[in-house]
Amino acid sequence: MQPKIYWVYVTAASTEEAQRIGETVVQERLAACANVLSNMQSCYWWQGNFERDQEAVLILKTSVQRFPALLERIKQLHSYTVPCVLALPVLEGNPDYLQWVEQETAQEHKQ
């Protein structure tokens, strides 16, 4: 079974950045929905240094077809050189919700 929907996980430098990216990609119909989770604590290696930061999580729901454009738009809007953007396939879910995501991200969708 090929997934039709992706659950996209993105980290951002701040709640404000996550909200700005989320609102932009939803308004542009690259994602059907955006959720922002504030105050995430992160630790990671970057350019040879161990880092600890407070970040925000942005969760987006999109169609498989729209993901390439969504990824490029996030990279344009994001403050990080290498933003974390991971597309996870949605294998099952509420069929009505999954259909809604596909409808809201359809390229021919008119506002």
PDB file of N, CA and C in Angstrom:
ATOM      1  N   MET A   1       0.844  -1.188   0.000  1.00  0.00           N
ATOM      2  CA  MET A   1       0.000   0.000   0.000  1.00  0.00           C
ATOM      3  C   MET A   1       0.884   1.245   0.000  1.00  0.00           C
ATOM      4  N   GLN A   2       0.771   2.031  -1.022  1.00  0.00           N
ATOM      5  CA  GLN A   2       1.541   3.267  -1.115  1.00  0.00           C
ATOM      6  C   GLN A   2       0.837   4.369  -0.330  1.00  0.00           C
ATOM      7  N   PRO A   3       1.582   5.085   0.528  1.00  0.00           N
ATOM      8  CA  PRO A   3       0.943   6.182   1.275  1.00  0.00           C
ATOM      9  C   PRO A   3       0.561   7.319   0.336  1.00  0.00           C
ATOM     10  N   LYS A   4      -0.529   7.998   0.685  1.00  0.00           N
ATOM     11  CA  LYS A   4      -0.968   9.176  -0.053  1.00  0.00           C
ATOM     12  C   LYS A   4      -0.697  10.447   0.740  1.00  0.00           C
ATOM     13  N   ILE A   5      -0.474  10.260   2.052  1.00  0.00           N
ATOM     14  CA  ILE A   5      -0.318  11.388   2.969  1.00  0.00           C
ATOM     15  C   ILE A   5       1.005  11.255   3.713  1.00  0.00           C
ATOM     16  N   TYR A   6       1.643  12.392   3.948  1.00  0.00           N
ATOM     17  CA  TYR A   6       2.829  12.453   4.806  1.00  0.00           C
ATOM     18  C   TYR A   6       2.525  13.282   6.051  1.00  0.00           C
ATOM     19  N   TRP A   7       3.091  12.842   7.144  1.00  0.00           N
ATOM     20  CA  TRP A   7       3.129  13.582   8.405  1.00  0.00           C
ATOM     21  C   TRP A   7       4.538  14.145   8.438  1.00  0.00           C
ATOM     22  N   VAL A   8       4.679  15.462   8.365  1.00  0.00           N
ATOM     23  CA  VAL A   8       5.987  16.088   8.191  1.00  0.00           C
ATOM     24  C   VAL A   8       6.423  16.736   9.505  1.00  0.00           C
ATOM     25  N   TYR A   9       7.570  16.305   9.992  1.00  0.00           N
ATOM     26  CA  TYR A   9       8.154  16.784  11.247  1.00  0.00           C
ATOM     27  C   TYR A   9       9.235  17.802  10.908  1.00  0.00           C
ATOM     28  N   VAL A  10       9.126  18.996  11.494  1.00  0.00           N
ATOM     29  CA  VAL A  10      10.082  20.074  11.247  1.00  0.00           C
ATOM     30  C   VAL A  10      10.457  20.675  12.600  1.00  0.00           C
ATOM     31  N   THR A  11      11.736  20.976  12.804  1.00  0.00           N
ATOM     32  CA  THR A  11      12.130  21.742  13.982  1.00  0.00           C
ATOM     33  C   THR A  11      12.445  23.164  13.551  1.00  0.00           C
ATOM     34  N   ALA A  12      12.204  24.101  14.459  1.00  0.00           N
ATOM     35  CA  ALA A  12      12.427  25.517  14.168  1.00  0.00           C
ATOM     36  C   ALA A  12      13.111  26.176  15.356  1.00  0.00           C
ATOM     37  N   ALA A  13      13.749  27.302  15.095  1.00  0.00           N
ATOM     38  CA  ALA A  13      14.499  28.009  16.132  1.00  0.00           C
ATOM     39  C   ALA A  13      13.606  28.603  17.212  1.00  0.00           C
ATOM     40  N   SER A  14      12.345  28.850  16.887  1.00  0.00           N
ATOM     41  CA  SER A  14      11.436  29.472  17.857  1.00  0.00           C
ATOM     42  C   SER A  14       9.994  29.142  17.497  1.00  0.00           C
ATOM     43  N   THR A  15       9.117  29.369  18.449  1.00  0.00           N
ATOM     44  CA  THR A  15       7.687  29.203  18.206  1.00  0.00           C
ATOM     45  C   THR A  15       7.230  30.142  17.094  1.00  0.00           C
ATOM     46  N   GLU A  16       7.758  31.360  17.110  1.00  0.00           N
ATOM     47  CA  GLU A  16       7.368  32.344  16.096  1.00  0.00           C
ATOM     48  C   GLU A  16       7.766  31.885  14.693  1.00  0.00           C
ATOM     49  N   GLU A  17       8.971  31.342  14.570  1.00  0.00           N
ATOM     50  CA  GLU A  17       9.407  30.856  13.260  1.00  0.00           C
ATOM     51  C   GLU A  17       8.546  29.688  12.809  1.00  0.00           C
ATOM     52  N   ALA A  18       8.282  28.745  13.696  1.00  0.00           N
ATOM     53  CA  ALA A  18       7.442  27.600  13.351  1.00  0.00           C
ATOM     54  C   ALA A  18       6.051  28.064  12.924  1.00  0.00           C
ATOM     55  N   GLN A  19       5.488  29.015  13.651  1.00  0.00           N
ATOM     56  CA  GLN A  19       4.163  29.531  13.318  1.00  0.00           C
ATOM     57  C   GLN A  19       4.167  30.225  11.962  1.00  0.00           C
ATOM     58  N   ARG A  20       5.193  31.018  11.698  1.00  0.00           N
ATOM     59  CA  ARG A  20       5.291  31.736  10.420  1.00  0.00           C
ATOM     60  C   ARG A  20       5.405  30.757   9.252  1.00  0.00           C
ATOM     61  N   ILE A  21       6.257  29.754   9.392  1.00  0.00           N
ATOM     62  CA  ILE A  21       6.404  28.748   8.337  1.00  0.00           C
ATOM     63  C   ILE A  21       5.100  27.987   8.157  1.00  0.00           C
ATOM     64  N   GLY A  22       4.508  27.553   9.268  1.00  0.00           N
ATOM     65  CA  GLY A  22       3.263  26.789   9.204  1.00  0.00           C
ATOM     66  C   GLY A  22       2.147  27.560   8.522  1.00  0.00           C
ATOM     67  N   GLU A  23       1.966  28.805   8.916  1.00  0.00           N
ATOM     68  CA  GLU A  23       0.904  29.613   8.314  1.00  0.00           C
ATOM     69  C   GLU A  23       1.151  29.835   6.829  1.00  0.00           C
ATOM     70  N   THR A  24       2.395  30.062   6.454  1.00  0.00           N
ATOM     71  CA  THR A  24       2.719  30.299   5.045  1.00  0.00           C
ATOM     72  C   THR A  24       2.416  29.077   4.197  1.00  0.00           C
ATOM     73  N   VAL A  25       2.881  27.906   4.617  1.00  0.00           N
ATOM     74  CA  VAL A  25       2.695  26.714   3.777  1.00  0.00           C
ATOM     75  C   VAL A  25       1.240  26.254   3.747  1.00  0.00           C
ATOM     76  N   VAL A  26       0.480  26.521   4.802  1.00  0.00           N
ATOM     77  CA  VAL A  26      -0.946  26.199   4.769  1.00  0.00           C
ATOM     78  C   VAL A  26      -1.671  27.175   3.836  1.00  0.00           C
ATOM     79  N   GLN A  27      -1.364  28.455   3.941  1.00  0.00           N
ATOM     80  CA  GLN A  27      -1.992  29.435   3.051  1.00  0.00           C
ATOM     81  C   GLN A  27      -1.671  29.155   1.588  1.00  0.00           C
ATOM     82  N   GLU A  28      -0.487  28.646   1.324  1.00  0.00           N
ATOM     83  CA  GLU A  28      -0.069  28.323  -0.047  1.00  0.00           C
ATOM     84  C   GLU A  28      -0.545  26.937  -0.491  1.00  0.00           C
ATOM     85  N   ARG A  29      -1.312  26.255   0.331  1.00  0.00           N
ATOM     86  CA  ARG A  29      -1.874  24.925   0.048  1.00  0.00           C
ATOM     87  C   ARG A  29      -0.812  23.850  -0.141  1.00  0.00           C
ATOM     88  N   LEU A  30       0.362  24.073   0.452  1.00  0.00           N
ATOM     89  CA  LEU A  30       1.401  23.041   0.432  1.00  0.00           C
ATOM     90  C   LEU A  30       1.184  22.050   1.567  1.00  0.00           C
ATOM     91  N   ALA A  31       0.450  22.443   2.574  1.00  0.00           N
ATOM     92  CA  ALA A  31       0.057  21.576   3.687  1.00  0.00           C
ATOM     93  C   ALA A  31      -1.398  21.897   4.029  1.00  0.00           C
ATOM     94  N   ALA A  32      -2.102  20.899   4.533  1.00  0.00           N
ATOM     95  CA  ALA A  32      -3.502  21.099   4.905  1.00  0.00           C
ATOM     96  C   ALA A  32      -3.630  21.649   6.310  1.00  0.00           C
ATOM     97  N   CYS A  33      -2.640  21.371   7.146  1.00  0.00           N
ATOM     98  CA  CYS A  33      -2.733  21.711   8.557  1.00  0.00           C
ATOM     99  C   CYS A  33      -1.332  21.850   9.136  1.00  0.00           C
ATOM    100  N   ALA A  34      -1.194  22.739  10.108  1.00  0.00           N
ATOM    101  CA  ALA A  34       0.084  22.918  10.807  1.00  0.00           C
ATOM    102  C   ALA A  34      -0.181  22.935  12.311  1.00  0.00           C
ATOM    103  N   ASN A  35       0.632  22.217  13.051  1.00  0.00           N
ATOM    104  CA  ASN A  35       0.587  22.225  14.512  1.00  0.00           C
ATOM    105  C   ASN A  35       1.946  22.671  15.019  1.00  0.00           C
ATOM    106  N   VAL A  36       1.956  23.580  15.987  1.00  0.00           N
ATOM    107  CA  VAL A  36       3.193  24.080  16.575  1.00  0.00           C
ATOM    108  C   VAL A  36       3.253  23.658  18.036  1.00  0.00           C
ATOM    109  N   LEU A  37       4.348  23.027  18.406  1.00  0.00           N
ATOM    110  CA  LEU A  37       4.589  22.617  19.783  1.00  0.00           C
ATOM    111  C   LEU A  37       5.794  23.411  20.285  1.00  0.00           C
ATOM    112  N   SER A  38       5.598  24.178  21.321  1.00  0.00           N
ATOM    113  CA  SER A  38       6.644  25.059  21.835  1.00  0.00           C
ATOM    114  C   SER A  38       7.524  24.372  22.865  1.00  0.00           C
ATOM    115  N   ASN A  39       8.672  25.003  23.124  1.00  0.00           N
ATOM    116  CA  ASN A  39       9.556  24.650  24.243  1.00  0.00           C
ATOM    117  C   ASN A  39      10.099  23.232  24.207  1.00  0.00           C
ATOM    118  N   MET A  40      10.512  22.785  23.053  1.00  0.00           N
ATOM    119  CA  MET A  40      11.164  21.493  22.957  1.00  0.00           C
ATOM    120  C   MET A  40      12.653  21.682  23.265  1.00  0.00           C
ATOM    121  N   GLN A  41      13.208  20.802  24.024  1.00  0.00           N
ATOM    122  CA  GLN A  41      14.632  20.831  24.332  1.00  0.00           C
ATOM    123  C   GLN A  41      15.356  19.895  23.374  1.00  0.00           C
ATOM    124  N   SER A  42      16.366  20.405  22.710  1.00  0.00           N
ATOM    125  CA  SER A  42      17.121  19.612  21.739  1.00  0.00           C
ATOM    126  C   SER A  42      18.588  19.549  22.124  1.00  0.00           C
ATOM    127  N   CYS A  43      19.221  18.441  21.784  1.00  0.00           N
ATOM    128  CA  CYS A  43      20.673  18.343  21.860  1.00  0.00           C
ATOM    129  C   CYS A  43      21.121  17.622  20.601  1.00  0.00           C
ATOM    130  N   TYR A  44      22.242  18.079  20.033  1.00  0.00           N
ATOM    131  CA  TYR A  44      22.694  17.549  18.757  1.00  0.00           C
ATOM    132  C   TYR A  44      24.133  17.998  18.496  1.00  0.00           C
ATOM    133  N   TRP A  45      24.756  17.357  17.529  1.00  0.00           N
ATOM    134  CA  TRP A  45      26.083  17.773  17.075  1.00  0.00           C
ATOM    135  C   TRP A  45      25.910  18.688  15.880  1.00  0.00           C
ATOM    136  N   TRP A  46      26.611  19.809  15.873  1.00  0.00           N
ATOM    137  CA  TRP A  46      26.608  20.714  14.719  1.00  0.00           C
ATOM    138  C   TRP A  46      28.005  21.275  14.531  1.00  0.00           C
ATOM    139  N   GLN A  47      28.577  20.997  13.376  1.00  0.00           N
ATOM    140  CA  GLN A  47      29.912  21.463  13.006  1.00  0.00           C
ATOM    141  C   GLN A  47      30.943  21.155  14.086  1.00  0.00           C
ATOM    142  N   GLY A  48      30.879  19.920  14.596  1.00  0.00           N
ATOM    143  CA  GLY A  48      31.856  19.451  15.563  1.00  0.00           C
ATOM    144  C   GLY A  48      31.594  19.858  17.001  1.00  0.00           C
ATOM    145  N   ASN A  49      30.528  20.599  17.243  1.00  0.00           N
ATOM    146  CA  ASN A  49      30.206  21.046  18.606  1.00  0.00           C
ATOM    147  C   ASN A  49      28.918  20.398  19.097  1.00  0.00           C
ATOM    148  N   PHE A  50      28.924  20.038  20.375  1.00  0.00           N
ATOM    149  CA  PHE A  50      27.710  19.528  20.999  1.00  0.00           C
ATOM    150  C   PHE A  50      26.851  20.720  21.402  1.00  0.00           C
ATOM    151  N   GLU A  51      25.617  20.752  20.925  1.00  0.00           N
ATOM    152  CA  GLU A  51      24.722  21.889  21.144  1.00  0.00           C
ATOM    153  C   GLU A  51      23.516  21.474  21.971  1.00  0.00           C
ATOM    154  N   ARG A  52      23.018  22.420  22.745  1.00  0.00           N
ATOM    155  CA  ARG A  52      21.735  22.296  23.458  1.00  0.00           C
ATOM    156  C   ARG A  52      20.940  23.554  23.149  1.00  0.00           C
ATOM    157  N   ASP A  53      19.696  23.358  22.717  1.00  0.00           N
ATOM    158  CA  ASP A  53      18.861  24.501  22.363  1.00  0.00           C
ATOM    159  C   ASP A  53      17.418  24.246  22.735  1.00  0.00           C
ATOM    160  N   GLN A  54      16.704  25.335  22.847  1.00  0.00           N
ATOM    161  CA  GLN A  54      15.259  25.272  22.962  1.00  0.00           C
ATOM    162  C   GLN A  54      14.710  25.564  21.577  1.00  0.00           C
ATOM    163  N   GLU A  55      13.889  24.688  21.065  1.00  0.00           N
ATOM    164  CA  GLU A  55      13.328  24.829  19.731  1.00  0.00           C
ATOM    165  C   GLU A  55      11.817  24.645  19.794  1.00  0.00           C
ATOM    166  N   ALA A  56      11.184  24.743  18.635  1.00  0.00           N
ATOM    167  CA  ALA A  56       9.762  24.438  18.501  1.00  0.00           C
ATOM    168  C   ALA A  56       9.631  23.337  17.450  1.00  0.00           C
ATOM    169  N   VAL A  57       8.582  22.571  17.570  1.00  0.00           N
ATOM    170  CA  VAL A  57       8.283  21.524  16.596  1.00  0.00           C
ATOM    171  C   VAL A  57       7.110  21.999  15.742  1.00  0.00           C
ATOM    172  N   LEU A  58       7.239  21.807  14.460  1.00  0.00           N
ATOM    173  CA  LEU A  58       6.165  22.087  13.517  1.00  0.00           C
ATOM    174  C   LEU A  58       5.780  20.758  12.878  1.00  0.00           C
ATOM    175  N   ILE A  59       4.519  20.406  12.979  1.00  0.00           N
ATOM    176  CA  ILE A  59       4.015  19.181  12.361  1.00  0.00           C
ATOM    177  C   ILE A  59       3.049  19.596  11.262  1.00  0.00           C
ATOM    178  N   LEU A  60       3.300  19.081  10.064  1.00  0.00           N
ATOM    179  CA  LEU A  60       2.482  19.408   8.904  1.00  0.00           C
ATOM    180  C   LEU A  60       1.884  18.136   8.323  1.00  0.00           C
ATOM    181  N   LYS A  61       0.698  18.246   7.765  1.00  0.00           N
ATOM    182  CA  LYS A  61       0.078  17.142   7.052  1.00  0.00           C
ATOM    183  C   LYS A  61      -0.065  17.565   5.598  1.00  0.00           C
ATOM    184  N   THR A  62       0.446  16.719   4.691  1.00  0.00           N
ATOM    185  CA  THR A  62       0.414  17.051   3.277  1.00  0.00           C
ATOM    186  C   THR A  62       0.246  15.794   2.444  1.00  0.00           C
ATOM    187  N   SER A  63      -0.032  15.985   1.166  1.00  0.00           N
ATOM    188  CA  SER A  63      -0.104  14.853   0.249  1.00  0.00           C
ATOM    189  C   SER A  63       1.303  14.516  -0.234  1.00  0.00           C
ATOM    190  N   VAL A  64       1.490  13.293  -0.628  1.00  0.00           N
ATOM    191  CA  VAL A  64       2.784  12.848  -1.137  1.00  0.00           C
ATOM    192  C   VAL A  64       3.190  13.712  -2.336  1.00  0.00           C
ATOM    193  N   GLN A  65       2.231  14.049  -3.192  1.00  0.00           N
ATOM    194  CA  GLN A  65       2.533  14.841  -4.388  1.00  0.00           C
ATOM    195  C   GLN A  65       3.038  16.237  -4.052  1.00  0.00           C
ATOM    196  N   ARG A  66       2.575  16.820  -2.959  1.00  0.00           N
ATOM    197  CA  ARG A  66       2.947  18.194  -2.613  1.00  0.00           C
ATOM    198  C   ARG A  66       4.233  18.280  -1.811  1.00  0.00           C
ATOM    199  N   PHE A  67       4.750  17.136  -1.324  1.00  0.00           N
ATOM    200  CA  PHE A  67       5.926  17.188  -0.465  1.00  0.00           C
ATOM    201  C   PHE A  67       7.143  17.846  -1.106  1.00  0.00           C
ATOM    202  N   PRO A  68       7.513  17.546  -2.340  1.00  0.00           N
ATOM    203  CA  PRO A  68       8.701  18.207  -2.898  1.00  0.00           C
ATOM    204  C   PRO A  68       8.600  19.739  -2.866  1.00  0.00           C
ATOM    205  N   ALA A  69       7.449  20.286  -3.222  1.00  0.00           N
ATOM    206  CA  ALA A  69       7.269  21.748  -3.187  1.00  0.00           C
ATOM    207  C   ALA A  69       7.271  22.254  -1.750  1.00  0.00           C
ATOM    208  N   LEU A  70       6.672  21.483  -0.837  1.00  0.00           N
ATOM    209  CA  LEU A  70       6.663  21.856   0.579  1.00  0.00           C
ATOM    210  C   LEU A  70       8.086  21.913   1.118  1.00  0.00           C
ATOM    211  N   LEU A  71       8.878  20.916   0.830  1.00  0.00           N
ATOM    212  CA  LEU A  71      10.266  20.883   1.295  1.00  0.00           C
ATOM    213  C   LEU A  71      11.034  22.110   0.802  1.00  0.00           C
ATOM    214  N   GLU A  72      10.916  22.418  -0.457  1.00  0.00           N
ATOM    215  CA  GLU A  72      11.629  23.579  -1.003  1.00  0.00           C
ATOM    216  C   GLU A  72      11.167  24.878  -0.347  1.00  0.00           C
ATOM    217  N   ARG A  73       9.877  25.009  -0.102  1.00  0.00           N
ATOM    218  CA  ARG A  73       9.357  26.232   0.518  1.00  0.00           C
ATOM    219  C   ARG A  73       9.842  26.355   1.957  1.00  0.00           C
ATOM    220  N   ILE A  74       9.848  25.257   2.701  1.00  0.00           N
ATOM    221  CA  ILE A  74      10.359  25.292   4.072  1.00  0.00           C
ATOM    222  C   ILE A  74      11.820  25.738   4.063  1.00  0.00           C
ATOM    223  N   LYS A  75      12.610  25.200   3.158  1.00  0.00           N
ATOM    224  CA  LYS A  75      14.028  25.571   3.078  1.00  0.00           C
ATOM    225  C   LYS A  75      14.187  27.063   2.773  1.00  0.00           C
ATOM    226  N   GLN A  76      13.305  27.633   1.968  1.00  0.00           N
ATOM    227  CA  GLN A  76      13.356  29.071   1.671  1.00  0.00           C
ATOM    228  C   GLN A  76      13.015  29.910   2.899  1.00  0.00           C
ATOM    229  N   LEU A  77      12.054  29.455   3.684  1.00  0.00           N
ATOM    230  CA  LEU A  77      11.541  30.232   4.819  1.00  0.00           C
ATOM    231  C   LEU A  77      12.331  30.038   6.106  1.00  0.00           C
ATOM    232  N   HIS A  78      13.085  28.974   6.208  1.00  0.00           N
ATOM    233  CA  HIS A  78      13.719  28.559   7.460  1.00  0.00           C
ATOM    234  C   HIS A  78      15.018  29.315   7.730  1.00  0.00           C
ATOM    235  N   SER A  79      15.302  29.553   9.009  1.00  0.00           N
ATOM    236  CA  SER A  79      16.537  30.251   9.389  1.00  0.00           C
ATOM    237  C   SER A  79      17.752  29.319   9.460  1.00  0.00           C
ATOM    238  N   TYR A  80      17.533  28.014   9.547  1.00  0.00           N
ATOM    239  CA  TYR A  80      18.652  27.077   9.650  1.00  0.00           C
ATOM    240  C   TYR A  80      19.265  26.807   8.284  1.00  0.00           C
ATOM    241  N   THR A  81      20.573  26.558   8.273  1.00  0.00           N
ATOM    242  CA  THR A  81      21.264  26.167   7.055  1.00  0.00           C
ATOM    243  C   THR A  81      20.789  24.795   6.587  1.00  0.00           C
ATOM    244  N   VAL A  82      20.608  23.887   7.539  1.00  0.00           N
ATOM    245  CA  VAL A  82      20.169  22.520   7.254  1.00  0.00           C
ATOM    246  C   VAL A  82      18.974  22.205   8.161  1.00  0.00           C
ATOM    247  N   PRO A  83      17.769  22.640   7.774  1.00  0.00           N
ATOM    248  CA  PRO A  83      16.616  22.388   8.639  1.00  0.00           C
ATOM    249  C   PRO A  83      16.230  20.907   8.675  1.00  0.00           C
ATOM    250  N   CYS A  84      15.759  20.482   9.826  1.00  0.00           N
ATOM    251  CA  CYS A  84      15.222  19.133   9.977  1.00  0.00           C
ATOM    252  C   CYS A  84      13.822  19.123   9.365  1.00  0.00           C
ATOM    253  N   VAL A  85      13.666  18.368   8.290  1.00  0.00           N
ATOM    254  CA  VAL A  85      12.362  18.181   7.644  1.00  0.00           C
ATOM    255  C   VAL A  85      12.268  16.703   7.312  1.00  0.00           C
ATOM    256  N   LEU A  86      11.394  15.989   7.996  1.00  0.00           N
ATOM    257  CA  LEU A  86      11.251  14.551   7.802  1.00  0.00           C
ATOM    258  C   LEU A  86       9.817  14.225   7.411  1.00  0.00           C
ATOM    259  N   ALA A  87       9.639  13.528   6.301  1.00  0.00           N
ATOM    260  CA  ALA A  87       8.315  13.115   5.844  1.00  0.00           C
ATOM    261  C   ALA A  87       8.095  11.667   6.243  1.00  0.00           C
ATOM    262  N   LEU A  88       7.104  11.451   7.078  1.00  0.00           N
ATOM    263  CA  LEU A  88       6.781  10.110   7.552  1.00  0.00           C
ATOM    264  C   LEU A  88       5.479   9.660   6.890  1.00  0.00           C
ATOM    265  N   PRO A  89       5.469   8.493   6.261  1.00  0.00           N
ATOM    266  CA  PRO A  89       4.256   8.053   5.573  1.00  0.00           C
ATOM    267  C   PRO A  89       3.141   7.723   6.558  1.00  0.00           C
ATOM    268  N   VAL A  90       1.953   8.160   6.219  1.00  0.00           N
ATOM    269  CA  VAL A  90       0.763   7.813   6.999  1.00  0.00           C
ATOM    270  C   VAL A  90       0.162   6.583   6.327  1.00  0.00           C
ATOM    271  N   LEU A  91       0.204   5.455   7.014  1.00  0.00           N
ATOM    272  CA  LEU A  91      -0.271   4.204   6.443  1.00  0.00           C
ATOM    273  C   LEU A  91      -1.756   3.986   6.678  1.00  0.00           C
ATOM    274  N   GLU A  92      -2.244   4.500   7.792  1.00  0.00           N
ATOM    275  CA  GLU A  92      -3.665   4.361   8.101  1.00  0.00           C
ATOM    276  C   GLU A  92      -4.117   5.567   8.900  1.00  0.00           C
ATOM    277  N   GLY A  93      -5.408   5.792   8.912  1.00  0.00           N
ATOM    278  CA  GLY A  93      -5.982   6.892   9.674  1.00  0.00           C
ATOM    279  C   GLY A  93      -7.458   7.016   9.355  1.00  0.00           C
ATOM    280  N   ASN A  94      -8.067   8.033   9.900  1.00  0.00           N
ATOM    281  CA  ASN A  94      -9.467   8.307   9.621  1.00  0.00           C
ATOM    282  C   ASN A  94      -9.596   8.601   8.125  1.00  0.00           C
ATOM    283  N   PRO A  95     -10.297   7.775   7.365  1.00  0.00           N
ATOM    284  CA  PRO A  95     -10.387   7.993   5.921  1.00  0.00           C
ATOM    285  C   PRO A  95     -10.925   9.381   5.558  1.00  0.00           C
ATOM    286  N   ASP A  96     -11.848   9.887   6.342  1.00  0.00           N
ATOM    287  CA  ASP A  96     -12.395  11.221   6.073  1.00  0.00           C
ATOM    288  C   ASP A  96     -11.319  12.288   6.239  1.00  0.00           C
ATOM    289  N   TYR A  97     -10.483  12.158   7.254  1.00  0.00           N
ATOM    290  CA  TYR A  97      -9.401  13.122   7.483  1.00  0.00           C
ATOM    291  C   TYR A  97      -8.358  13.034   6.371  1.00  0.00           C
ATOM    292  N   LEU A  98      -7.984  11.819   6.002  1.00  0.00           N
ATOM    293  CA  LEU A  98      -6.988  11.639   4.960  1.00  0.00           C
ATOM    294  C   LEU A  98      -7.477  12.220   3.632  1.00  0.00           C
ATOM    295  N   GLN A  99      -8.756  12.036   3.339  1.00  0.00           N
ATOM    296  CA  GLN A  99      -9.340  12.610   2.135  1.00  0.00           C
ATOM    297  C   GLN A  99      -9.312  14.135   2.201  1.00  0.00           C
ATOM    298  N   TRP A 100      -9.593  14.688   3.380  1.00  0.00           N
ATOM    299  CA  TRP A 100      -9.556  16.138   3.568  1.00  0.00           C
ATOM    300  C   TRP A 100      -8.148  16.686   3.281  1.00  0.00           C
ATOM    301  N   VAL A 101      -7.109  16.012   3.792  1.00  0.00           N
ATOM    302  CA  VAL A 101      -5.737  16.454   3.537  1.00  0.00           C
ATOM    303  C   VAL A 101      -5.464  16.470   2.036  1.00  0.00           C
ATOM    304  N   GLU A 102      -5.871  15.415   1.348  1.00  0.00           N
ATOM    305  CA  GLU A 102      -5.649  15.364  -0.102  1.00  0.00           C
ATOM    306  C   GLU A 102      -6.401  16.491  -0.815  1.00  0.00           C
ATOM    307  N   GLN A 103      -7.628  16.740  -0.416  1.00  0.00           N
ATOM    308  CA  GLN A 103      -8.420  17.799  -1.049  1.00  0.00           C
ATOM    309  C   GLN A 103      -7.807  19.175  -0.817  1.00  0.00           C
ATOM    310  N   GLU A 104      -7.369  19.450   0.403  1.00  0.00           N
ATOM    311  CA  GLU A 104      -6.851  20.782   0.736  1.00  0.00           C
ATOM    312  C   GLU A 104      -5.490  21.070   0.118  1.00  0.00           C
ATOM    313  N   THR A 105      -4.777  20.022  -0.267  1.00  0.00           N
ATOM    314  CA  THR A 105      -3.450  20.233  -0.863  1.00  0.00           C
ATOM    315  C   THR A 105      -3.440  19.960  -2.352  1.00  0.00           C
ATOM    316  N   ALA A 106      -4.602  19.705  -2.937  1.00  0.00           N
ATOM    317  CA  ALA A 106      -4.669  19.459  -4.378  1.00  0.00           C
ATOM    318  C   ALA A 106      -4.205  20.704  -5.123  1.00  0.00           C
ATOM    319  N   GLN A 107      -3.351  20.531  -6.088  1.00  0.00           N
ATOM    320  CA  GLN A 107      -2.804  21.670  -6.831  1.00  0.00           C
ATOM    321  C   GLN A 107      -3.878  22.463  -7.551  1.00  0.00           C
ATOM    322  N   GLU A 108      -4.944  21.809  -7.943  1.00  0.00           N
ATOM    323  CA  GLU A 108      -5.995  22.522  -8.651  1.00  0.00           C
ATOM    324  C   GLU A 108      -6.996  23.189  -7.706  1.00  0.00           C
ATOM    325  N   HIS A 109      -6.749  23.059  -6.404  1.00  0.00           N
ATOM    326  CA  HIS A 109      -7.661  23.636  -5.417  1.00  0.00           C
ATOM    327  C   HIS A 109      -7.731  25.145  -5.569  1.00  0.00           C
ATOM    328  N   LYS A 110      -8.924  25.647  -5.659  1.00  0.00           N
ATOM    329  CA  LYS A 110      -9.123  27.095  -5.779  1.00  0.00           C
ATOM    330  C   LYS A 110      -9.645  27.632  -4.461  1.00  0.00           C
ATOM    331  N   GLN A 111      -9.115  28.768  -4.057  1.00  0.00           N
ATOM    332  CA  GLN A 111      -9.564  29.394  -2.805  1.00  0.00           C
ATOM    333  C   GLN A 111     -10.835  30.169  -3.019  1.00  0.00           C
TER     334      GLN A 111
END
